[in-house]
Amino acid sequence: MPILRYSAASPYARKARIVAELLGFGASLDLVGADTTNPADTLREQNPLGKVPTLILESGETLYDSRVICEYFDLLAGGGKLFPVDPAARIAALTLQSLGDGINDAALLIRYEATRPEPLRSADWIALQAGKMERALAALDGDPPAGPITIGHVAVAAALGYLDLRFDGAWRAKHPALVAWLDAFSDAVPAFEATRVA
């Protein structure tokens, strides 16, 4: 049984878990928590970057990061499921994935900066990351993801879920169209709610 090293709060791990469920592999994964801050955690032997998600195949081979793992699941399911075969549709899905992952990147950088001792925190750095998030959210609110569910949809949903978890859903007040989109995604993809961190 393949092992998915993960952290329940990680939006990237959540993305991989949602994809696994959508493609029918969820029940065949052994979910094993990881502590990315603990030098003794075997995660660092399995993935030199010490990051989640990391997928350990039955052969012992390891795959990382979420982008590779999600595409692996798609190929295992026959290909073209969440990663479209048509070149234009594929590029659109990958670009949307990059937007969702980019929101996560910026949100995580803000969170890490906020954990530094106050005299060392940079308000300018936080503002720079917040600007990235706000521009991405505004773009998505103006043109919410449409069409059949792709990896891009999953990445955006995971990012919004992370903003709900770590930033108390502050994004929702200014982005009603995106809120409606996420509600519809949640209804259509039970794995989204099933992977929510309380």
Protein backbone atom coordinates (compact mmCIF):
# COMPACT_ATOMS: atom_id res chain seq x y z
CA MET A 1 0.00 0.00 0.00
CA PRO A 2 1.50 3.39 -0.97
CA ILE A 3 2.21 5.72 1.94
CA LEU A 4 1.35 9.40 1.82
CA ARG A 5 3.35 11.42 4.32
CA TYR A 6 1.25 14.45 5.08
CA SER A 7 0.22 17.14 7.51
CA ALA A 8 -3.51 17.69 7.86
CA ALA A 9 -3.07 21.47 7.78
CA SER A 10 -0.93 21.50 4.62
CA PRO A 11 -2.88 22.81 1.63
CA TYR A 12 -0.54 20.93 -0.70
CA ALA A 13 -1.15 17.65 1.11
CA ARG A 14 -4.88 18.39 1.06
CA LYS A 15 -4.70 18.91 -2.69
CA ALA A 16 -3.04 15.51 -3.13
CA ARG A 17 -5.58 13.82 -0.87
CA ILE A 18 -8.52 15.34 -2.76
CA VAL A 19 -7.03 14.23 -6.08
CA ALA A 20 -6.50 10.72 -4.73
CA GLU A 21 -10.16 10.56 -3.68
CA LEU A 22 -11.43 11.98 -6.97
CA LEU A 23 -9.46 9.38 -8.91
CA GLY A 24 -10.42 6.45 -6.70
CA PHE A 25 -7.14 5.93 -4.87
CA GLY A 26 -8.03 7.36 -1.46
CA ALA A 27 -8.82 4.02 0.17
CA SER A 28 -5.59 2.48 -1.10
CA LEU A 29 -3.35 5.09 0.56
CA ASP A 30 -1.81 4.69 3.98
CA LEU A 31 -1.90 8.22 5.46
CA VAL A 32 1.04 8.76 7.79
CA GLY A 33 1.45 12.08 9.53
CA ALA A 34 4.75 13.93 9.32
CA ASP A 35 6.40 16.59 11.46
CA THR A 36 8.40 18.72 9.05
CA THR A 37 10.09 20.54 11.94
CA ASN A 38 11.38 17.40 13.66
CA PRO A 39 14.89 16.37 12.53
CA ALA A 40 14.20 12.84 13.78
CA ASP A 41 11.17 12.36 11.54
CA THR A 42 11.95 9.83 8.79
CA LEU A 43 10.41 12.25 6.30
CA ARG A 44 13.86 13.76 5.74
CA GLU A 45 15.16 10.36 4.66
CA GLN A 46 12.20 9.85 2.35
CA ASN A 47 12.33 13.34 0.86
CA PRO A 48 15.57 15.32 1.14
CA LEU A 49 13.52 18.52 1.25
CA GLY A 50 11.66 17.28 4.32
CA LYS A 51 8.36 18.53 2.90
CA VAL A 52 4.83 17.24 2.58
CA PRO A 53 3.23 15.68 0.74
CA THR A 54 5.62 12.86 -0.05
CA LEU A 55 4.34 9.67 -1.63
CA ILE A 56 6.23 6.45 -0.94
CA LEU A 57 5.40 3.80 -3.51
CA GLU A 58 5.35 0.09 -2.76
CA SER A 59 8.62 -0.17 -4.69
CA GLY A 60 10.21 2.19 -2.18
CA GLU A 61 10.48 5.01 -4.72
CA THR A 62 9.38 8.40 -3.41
CA LEU A 63 7.53 11.13 -5.25
CA TYR A 64 7.28 14.79 -4.27
CA ASP A 65 5.83 17.49 -4.36
CA SER A 66 2.03 17.83 -4.72
CA ARG A 67 2.25 18.64 -8.42
CA VAL A 68 4.17 15.47 -9.21
CA ILE A 69 2.04 13.32 -6.90
CA CYS A 70 -1.23 14.62 -8.38
CA GLU A 71 -0.05 14.03 -11.93
CA TYR A 72 1.14 10.54 -10.95
CA PHE A 73 -2.34 9.73 -9.63
CA ASP A 74 -3.86 11.04 -12.86
CA LEU A 75 -1.55 8.89 -15.00
CA LEU A 76 -2.28 5.89 -12.79
CA ALA A 77 -5.99 6.45 -13.46
CA GLY A 78 -5.39 6.37 -17.21
CA GLY A 79 -4.47 10.01 -17.82
CA GLY A 80 -6.56 12.98 -18.88
CA LYS A 81 -8.79 12.90 -15.81
CA LEU A 82 -7.76 16.08 -13.97
CA PHE A 83 -4.88 16.98 -16.30
CA PRO A 84 -6.55 17.55 -19.68
CA VAL A 85 -5.01 16.01 -22.79
CA ASP A 86 -5.97 18.89 -25.08
CA PRO A 87 -2.98 21.26 -25.04
CA ALA A 88 -4.96 24.47 -24.52
CA ALA A 89 -7.11 22.96 -21.77
CA ARG A 90 -4.03 21.44 -20.12
CA ILE A 91 -2.15 24.74 -20.06
CA ALA A 92 -5.24 26.47 -18.63
CA ALA A 93 -5.52 23.83 -15.88
CA LEU A 94 -1.82 24.05 -15.03
CA THR A 95 -1.95 27.85 -14.95
CA LEU A 96 -4.93 27.72 -12.61
CA GLN A 97 -3.02 25.24 -10.44
CA SER A 98 -0.13 27.70 -10.31
CA LEU A 99 -2.49 30.44 -9.18
CA GLY A 100 -3.88 28.28 -6.38
CA ASP A 101 -0.42 27.11 -5.33
CA GLY A 102 0.82 30.70 -5.50
CA ILE A 103 -1.86 31.78 -3.02
CA ASN A 104 -0.63 29.02 -0.72
CA ASP A 105 3.00 30.06 -1.17
CA ALA A 106 2.21 33.65 -0.18
CA ALA A 107 -0.05 32.63 2.70
CA LEU A 108 2.58 30.31 4.13
CA LEU A 109 5.25 33.00 3.89
CA ILE A 110 2.99 35.40 5.81
CA ARG A 111 2.34 32.76 8.43
CA TYR A 112 6.04 31.97 8.84
CA GLU A 113 6.90 35.67 9.07
CA ALA A 114 4.27 36.14 11.77
CA THR A 115 5.94 33.46 13.91
CA ARG A 116 9.25 35.35 14.01
CA PRO A 117 10.02 37.48 17.07
CA GLU A 118 8.24 40.80 16.61
CA PRO A 119 11.38 42.92 16.25
CA LEU A 120 12.47 40.73 13.32
CA ARG A 121 9.18 40.76 11.45
CA SER A 122 8.98 42.70 8.22
CA ALA A 123 5.73 44.54 7.57
CA ASP A 124 6.91 45.21 4.01
CA TRP A 125 7.47 41.48 3.40
CA ILE A 126 4.02 40.64 4.75
CA ALA A 127 2.45 43.37 2.60
CA LEU A 128 4.25 42.05 -0.48
CA GLN A 129 2.83 38.54 0.06
CA ALA A 130 -0.62 39.88 0.96
CA GLY A 131 -0.65 41.80 -2.32
CA LYS A 132 -0.01 38.61 -4.26
CA MET A 133 -2.87 36.89 -2.47
CA GLU A 134 -5.28 39.78 -2.96
CA ARG A 135 -4.55 40.11 -6.68
CA ALA A 136 -5.01 36.37 -7.16
CA LEU A 137 -8.27 36.34 -5.20
CA ALA A 138 -9.59 39.35 -7.15
CA ALA A 139 -8.75 37.65 -10.44
CA LEU A 140 -10.50 34.46 -9.34
CA ASP A 141 -13.53 36.34 -8.03
CA GLY A 142 -13.85 38.12 -11.38
CA ASP A 143 -13.56 34.85 -13.28
CA PRO A 144 -14.19 31.82 -11.04
CA PRO A 145 -12.95 28.45 -12.32
CA ALA A 146 -15.42 26.93 -14.77
CA GLY A 147 -15.93 23.77 -16.76
CA PRO A 148 -15.08 20.21 -15.75
CA ILE A 149 -13.02 19.84 -12.59
CA THR A 150 -9.28 19.91 -13.24
CA ILE A 151 -6.18 20.04 -11.10
CA GLY A 152 -6.56 23.80 -11.20
CA HIS A 153 -9.94 23.68 -9.50
CA VAL A 154 -8.56 21.42 -6.78
CA ALA A 155 -5.55 23.68 -6.19
CA VAL A 156 -7.72 26.78 -5.86
CA ALA A 157 -10.12 25.02 -3.49
CA ALA A 158 -7.23 23.81 -1.31
CA ALA A 159 -5.82 27.35 -1.21
CA LEU A 160 -9.15 28.86 -0.16
CA GLY A 161 -9.50 26.16 2.47
CA TYR A 162 -6.09 27.12 3.83
CA LEU A 163 -7.11 30.78 4.00
CA ASP A 164 -10.20 29.72 5.94
CA LEU A 165 -8.05 27.68 8.32
CA ARG A 166 -5.19 30.08 8.97
CA PHE A 167 -6.68 33.51 8.20
CA ASP A 168 -10.20 33.03 9.57
CA GLY A 169 -11.80 33.24 6.14
CA ALA A 170 -11.13 36.99 5.90
CA TRP A 171 -11.02 36.65 2.08
CA ARG A 172 -14.73 35.84 1.94
CA ALA A 173 -16.10 39.32 2.65
CA LYS A 174 -14.64 40.82 -0.54
CA HIS A 175 -15.05 37.87 -2.90
CA PRO A 176 -18.68 36.68 -2.99
CA ALA A 177 -18.44 35.03 -6.41
CA LEU A 178 -15.49 32.97 -5.20
CA VAL A 179 -17.36 32.02 -2.03
CA ALA A 180 -20.24 30.75 -4.17
CA TRP A 181 -17.79 28.85 -6.37
CA LEU A 182 -16.16 27.17 -3.36
CA ASP A 183 -19.56 26.21 -1.96
CA ALA A 184 -20.43 24.56 -5.28
CA PHE A 185 -17.05 22.80 -5.42
CA SER A 186 -17.52 21.51 -1.88
CA ASP A 187 -20.95 20.13 -2.80
CA ALA A 188 -19.57 18.44 -5.93
CA VAL A 189 -16.40 17.07 -4.29
CA PRO A 190 -17.11 15.40 -0.90
CA ALA A 191 -13.36 14.93 -0.39
CA PHE A 192 -13.03 18.67 0.14
CA GLU A 193 -15.12 18.59 3.30
CA ALA A 194 -13.70 15.22 4.33
CA THR A 195 -10.16 16.68 4.36
CA ARG A 196 -11.08 19.85 6.25
CA VAL A 197 -9.14 20.49 9.45
CA ALA A 198 -11.43 21.37 12.35
